[in-house]
Protein backbone atom coordinates (compact mmCIF):
# COMPACT_ATOMS: atom_id res chain seq x y z
CA MET A 1 -20.59 4.31 21.80
CA LYS A 2 -18.23 7.13 22.69
CA ARG A 3 -15.56 7.97 20.12
CA ALA A 4 -12.03 7.22 21.24
CA ARG A 5 -9.58 10.09 21.69
CA LEU A 6 -6.53 9.30 19.61
CA ASP A 7 -3.53 11.42 18.81
CA ALA A 8 -1.72 11.63 15.46
CA THR A 9 0.67 8.80 16.40
CA ASP A 10 -2.22 6.48 17.23
CA TRP A 11 -3.77 7.24 13.83
CA ARG A 12 -0.45 6.53 12.08
CA ILE A 13 -0.22 3.21 13.94
CA LEU A 14 -3.74 2.29 12.83
CA ARG A 15 -3.02 3.27 9.21
CA GLU A 16 0.10 1.07 9.11
CA LEU A 17 -1.63 -1.87 10.83
CA GLN A 18 -4.53 -1.78 8.38
CA ALA A 19 -2.11 -1.78 5.46
CA TRP A 20 0.41 -4.25 6.91
CA GLY A 21 -1.16 -6.43 9.61
CA ARG A 22 1.91 -8.67 9.92
CA ILE A 23 4.35 -5.79 10.46
CA THR A 24 6.78 -6.26 13.34
CA ASN A 25 6.64 -3.86 16.25
CA VAL A 26 10.15 -2.61 15.42
CA GLU A 27 9.15 -1.82 11.81
CA LEU A 28 5.85 -0.29 12.94
CA ALA A 29 7.69 1.96 15.38
CA ARG A 30 10.13 3.02 12.66
CA ARG A 31 7.32 3.87 10.25
CA VAL A 32 5.39 5.97 12.76
CA GLY A 33 8.50 7.68 14.12
CA ILE A 34 8.68 6.42 17.71
CA SER A 35 10.79 3.82 19.51
CA ALA A 36 9.65 0.21 19.88
CA PRO A 37 8.66 0.13 23.62
CA PRO A 38 6.15 3.02 23.47
CA CYS A 39 4.87 1.70 20.15
CA LEU A 40 4.12 -1.66 21.78
CA ARG A 41 2.41 0.08 24.74
CA ARG A 42 0.23 2.08 22.34
CA MET A 43 -0.62 -1.07 20.37
CA ARG A 44 -1.69 -2.88 23.53
CA ALA A 45 -3.74 0.14 24.62
CA LEU A 46 -5.51 0.21 21.23
CA GLU A 47 -6.28 -3.51 21.60
CA GLU A 48 -7.47 -3.17 25.21
CA ALA A 49 -9.73 -0.26 24.21
CA GLY A 50 -11.32 -2.49 21.56
CA ILE A 51 -10.16 -0.25 18.71
CA VAL A 52 -7.94 -2.99 17.27
CA LYS A 53 -10.21 -6.03 17.32
CA GLY A 54 -7.75 -8.58 15.96
CA PHE A 55 -5.69 -9.62 12.97
CA THR A 56 -6.62 -11.77 10.01
CA ALA A 57 -5.24 -12.92 6.68
CA LEU A 58 -6.93 -11.74 3.48
CA CYS A 59 -7.25 -14.77 1.21
CA ASP A 60 -7.75 -14.80 -2.54
CA ASP A 61 -11.17 -16.39 -3.00
CA LYS A 62 -10.63 -17.47 -6.61
CA ALA A 63 -7.23 -19.03 -5.86
CA LEU A 64 -8.92 -21.11 -3.15
CA GLY A 65 -11.74 -22.26 -5.42
CA PHE A 66 -14.48 -19.89 -4.27
CA ASP A 67 -15.76 -18.65 -7.61
CA VAL A 68 -19.07 -17.08 -6.55
CA THR A 69 -19.53 -13.89 -4.57
CA ALA A 70 -23.05 -12.55 -4.37
CA PHE A 71 -25.21 -10.19 -2.38
CA ALA A 72 -28.55 -11.27 -0.98
CA MET A 73 -31.09 -8.61 -0.06
CA VAL A 74 -33.48 -10.03 2.51
CA GLY A 75 -36.87 -8.73 3.58
CA LEU A 76 -38.52 -10.09 6.72
CA HIS A 77 -42.21 -10.43 7.59
CA SER A 78 -41.59 -9.02 11.07
CA GLN A 79 -39.03 -6.54 12.34
CA ALA A 80 -39.69 -7.24 16.01
CA GLU A 81 -36.40 -7.27 17.91
CA ALA A 82 -36.61 -11.00 18.67
CA ASP A 83 -37.14 -11.75 14.96
CA LEU A 84 -34.22 -9.54 13.92
CA ILE A 85 -31.94 -11.22 16.45
CA ALA A 86 -33.06 -14.69 15.30
CA PHE A 87 -32.24 -13.83 11.68
CA GLU A 88 -28.84 -12.39 12.66
CA GLU A 89 -28.02 -15.60 14.54
CA ARG A 90 -29.00 -17.65 11.47
CA ALA A 91 -26.76 -15.50 9.24
CA ARG A 92 -23.84 -15.78 11.69
CA SER A 93 -24.15 -19.58 11.72
CA SER A 94 -23.87 -19.93 7.93
CA PRO A 95 -20.33 -20.23 6.57
CA ILE A 96 -21.50 -18.93 3.18
CA VAL A 97 -22.59 -15.61 4.73
CA ARG A 98 -19.40 -13.58 5.18
CA ASP A 99 -20.98 -10.21 6.09
CA CYS A 100 -24.44 -9.37 7.39
CA TYR A 101 -25.77 -5.82 7.64
CA MET A 102 -29.15 -4.70 9.00
CA LEU A 103 -30.40 -1.83 6.85
CA SER A 104 -33.01 0.88 7.03
CA GLY A 105 -35.45 1.17 4.14
CA GLU A 106 -37.07 -1.48 1.96
CA ILE A 107 -34.51 -4.22 2.63
CA ASP A 108 -33.98 -5.50 6.15
CA PHE A 109 -30.63 -7.25 5.64
CA LEU A 110 -27.82 -7.27 3.11
CA LEU A 111 -25.68 -10.41 3.07
CA ARG A 112 -22.38 -10.85 1.28
CA CYS A 113 -22.10 -14.51 0.38
CA VAL A 114 -19.12 -16.51 -0.90
CA ALA A 115 -19.51 -20.01 -2.34
CA PRO A 116 -17.36 -22.41 -4.35
CA ASP A 117 -19.87 -22.52 -7.22
CA LEU A 118 -23.28 -21.36 -8.37
CA SER A 119 -24.96 -24.62 -7.41
CA THR A 120 -23.82 -24.31 -3.78
CA PHE A 121 -24.99 -20.69 -3.65
CA GLN A 122 -28.38 -21.62 -5.17
CA ASP A 123 -28.82 -24.45 -2.64
CA PHE A 124 -28.12 -22.00 0.17
CA ILE A 125 -30.65 -19.49 -1.18
CA ILE A 126 -33.40 -22.05 -1.82
CA HIS A 127 -32.98 -24.46 1.09
CA GLU A 128 -31.63 -22.23 3.85
CA LEU A 129 -32.36 -18.58 3.23
CA THR A 130 -35.80 -18.47 1.59
CA ALA A 131 -36.94 -21.41 3.73
CA ALA A 132 -35.94 -19.66 6.96
CA PRO A 133 -38.69 -18.57 9.36
CA ASN A 134 -39.80 -14.95 8.95
CA VAL A 135 -38.09 -14.46 5.56
CA ALA A 136 -40.53 -12.69 3.23
CA SER A 137 -38.30 -12.05 0.21
CA VAL A 138 -34.79 -12.62 -1.09
CA LYS A 139 -33.26 -10.84 -4.06
CA THR A 140 -29.75 -11.75 -5.18
CA SER A 141 -27.06 -10.12 -7.29
CA LEU A 142 -23.96 -11.95 -8.46
CA VAL A 143 -20.68 -10.04 -8.33
CA ILE A 144 -19.14 -9.77 -11.79
CA ARG A 145 -15.94 -8.06 -10.66
CA ALA A 146 -14.68 -6.43 -7.47
CA SER A 147 -13.25 -3.03 -8.34
CA LYS A 148 -12.33 -2.13 -4.78
CA GLN A 149 -12.13 -4.00 -1.50
CA ALA A 150 -10.80 -1.91 1.36
CA PRO A 151 -11.04 -3.53 4.77
CA GLY A 152 -11.00 -1.39 7.89
CA VAL A 153 -11.85 2.28 8.14
CA PRO A 154 -10.54 5.29 6.15
CA VAL A 155 -8.10 6.55 8.79
CA GLU A 156 -6.69 8.94 6.19
CA LEU A 157 -9.84 11.07 6.51
CA VAL A 158 -9.21 11.69 10.20
CA GLU A 159 -5.50 12.37 9.72
CA ASP A 160 -6.25 14.88 6.97
CA VAL A 161 -8.33 17.03 9.32
CA GLY A 162 -5.55 17.15 11.90
CA ALA A 163 -6.05 14.30 14.36
């Protein structure tokens, strides 16, 4: 995929949107130093280009009763493209799997899983994940504490080098 050409104002818009997704267009324009109509045009252009994919609320898992976050490292018997796609579809269909990454190296997939309790997570691992076709191995690690969770991309790195 070709990298988008963005100017400094576009990068400022993205930084503010990642930090404050519910910001009004008027406030966004004020923060980035332009008037509201061009700010809205730029926002729409970023969305149409697929750079801004959408907006979502970040929920507190513990406050909602989801006490278990864990990572599952999955190895497959076969890495044929059809088998990889089938596993990705299985991961996408599970509500417990929140993120799924295909990796290079010893592990084929890394899954971030969120469950209300340990029993639910264990049932998922035993009855859905390890029982899935083509799954050779599953290793899990429970999250003790999240020290940093930063959604999005580090737009500050691009701005620092003179966007």
